[in-house]
Amino acid sequence: MQAVPITATISEFKSRPNAVLDNVRESPVVLIQHGAPTAVLVDPMEWNRIAKRLAHQEAHTEALAALLRIDQGQEKTYTHKEAEELIAQLQKGQTGHVAA
């Protein structure tokens, strides 16, 4: 379960920016304008951690999708030797493959 987020109105942020920013060290701060969430302030170290974790999750998802395509026969895999031979053939223009 997530903790209740720290909130601050835009007026509070304008009148006491340092106090609001001090809270960012503890937890993200949701800025409220006209009763609705408008923005979220996040500590830079936390932002970097989140971005890195997201990048890893996206790479993992991409790898799993590739494995699924291979398993379903939608993509072919090559041994190292086959890849080297294919590359050599492509460089010489000797295959039926269309170069990208």
Protein backbone atom coordinates (compact mmCIF):
# COMPACT_ATOMS: atom_id res chain seq x y z
CA MET A 1 0.00 0.00 0.00
CA GLN A 2 1.29 3.47 -0.90
CA ALA A 3 1.63 6.20 1.67
CA VAL A 4 -0.67 9.18 1.44
CA PRO A 5 1.17 11.69 -0.77
CA ILE A 6 2.35 15.03 0.56
CA THR A 7 0.38 17.80 -1.11
CA ALA A 8 0.76 21.55 -1.40
CA THR A 9 -1.31 24.12 -3.18
CA ILE A 10 0.23 26.36 -5.79
CA SER A 11 -0.35 29.27 -3.39
CA GLU A 12 1.60 27.47 -0.64
CA PHE A 13 4.40 26.75 -3.10
CA LYS A 14 4.55 30.41 -4.16
CA SER A 15 4.51 31.74 -0.59
CA ARG A 16 6.79 29.11 1.02
CA PRO A 17 8.82 27.43 -1.75
CA ASN A 18 11.64 26.32 0.56
CA ALA A 19 9.25 24.59 2.97
CA VAL A 20 7.56 22.72 0.11
CA LEU A 21 10.91 21.78 -1.45
CA ASP A 22 12.17 20.50 1.93
CA ASN A 23 9.30 17.98 1.86
CA VAL A 24 10.50 16.64 -1.50
CA ARG A 25 13.45 15.03 0.27
CA GLU A 26 11.00 12.79 2.18
CA SER A 27 8.47 12.04 -0.53
CA PRO A 28 7.17 13.37 -3.84
CA VAL A 29 4.97 16.44 -3.38
CA VAL A 30 1.77 16.75 -5.40
CA LEU A 31 1.00 20.35 -6.30
CA ILE A 32 -2.71 21.15 -6.26
CA GLN A 33 -4.34 23.86 -8.36
CA HIS A 34 -8.08 24.54 -8.21
CA GLY A 35 -8.54 21.34 -6.19
CA ALA A 36 -6.89 19.07 -8.74
CA PRO A 37 -3.38 17.60 -8.99
CA THR A 38 -1.31 19.73 -11.36
CA ALA A 39 2.29 18.57 -10.97
CA VAL A 40 4.52 16.33 -8.90
CA LEU A 41 7.81 17.48 -7.43
CA VAL A 42 10.34 14.67 -7.04
CA ASP A 43 13.83 14.60 -5.55
CA PRO A 44 16.38 14.39 -8.43
CA MET A 45 18.03 11.26 -6.98
CA GLU A 46 14.62 9.56 -6.76
CA TRP A 47 13.79 10.65 -10.31
CA ASN A 48 17.05 9.14 -11.60
CA ARG A 49 16.32 5.90 -9.72
CA ILE A 50 12.81 5.72 -11.20
CA ALA A 51 14.08 6.49 -14.73
CA LYS A 52 16.79 3.83 -14.48
CA ARG A 53 14.33 1.24 -13.19
CA LEU A 54 11.88 2.08 -15.98
CA ALA A 55 14.63 1.74 -18.61
CA HIS A 56 15.54 -1.69 -17.22
CA GLN A 57 11.89 -2.77 -17.22
CA GLU A 58 11.44 -1.59 -20.81
CA ALA A 59 14.56 -3.50 -21.91
CA HIS A 60 13.33 -6.61 -20.09
CA THR A 61 9.90 -6.32 -21.75
CA GLU A 62 11.54 -5.91 -25.17
CA ALA A 63 13.70 -8.99 -24.58
CA LEU A 64 10.69 -11.05 -23.50
CA ALA A 65 8.75 -9.94 -26.58
CA ALA A 66 11.67 -10.98 -28.81
CA LEU A 67 11.85 -14.38 -27.11
CA LEU A 68 8.12 -14.83 -27.65
CA ARG A 69 8.46 -13.97 -31.36
CA ILE A 70 11.31 -16.48 -31.66
CA ASP A 71 9.28 -19.13 -29.82
CA GLN A 72 6.32 -18.53 -32.15
CA GLY A 73 8.54 -18.81 -35.21
CA GLN A 74 8.11 -15.17 -36.16
CA GLU A 75 11.85 -14.51 -35.96
CA LYS A 76 14.87 -16.65 -36.77
CA THR A 77 17.91 -17.08 -34.60
CA TYR A 78 21.43 -17.60 -35.90
CA THR A 79 24.54 -19.20 -34.47
CA HIS A 80 27.62 -17.01 -34.28
CA LYS A 81 29.07 -18.75 -37.32
CA GLU A 82 25.82 -18.36 -39.30
CA ALA A 83 25.72 -14.66 -38.41
CA GLU A 84 29.30 -14.16 -39.56
CA GLU A 85 28.55 -15.94 -42.84
CA LEU A 86 25.39 -13.92 -43.38
CA ILE A 87 27.22 -10.67 -42.71
CA ALA A 88 29.97 -11.64 -45.15
CA GLN A 89 27.37 -12.49 -47.80
CA LEU A 90 25.50 -9.24 -47.21
CA GLN A 91 28.72 -7.28 -47.54
CA LYS A 92 29.38 -8.98 -50.88
CA GLY A 93 25.76 -8.57 -51.97
CA GLN A 94 25.39 -12.33 -52.45
CA THR A 95 22.14 -13.05 -50.62
CA GLY A 96 18.50 -12.73 -51.38
CA HIS A 97 18.11 -10.65 -48.22
CA VAL A 98 17.21 -7.03 -48.67
CA ALA A 99 19.70 -4.79 -46.90
CA ALA A 100 18.10 -2.14 -44.69
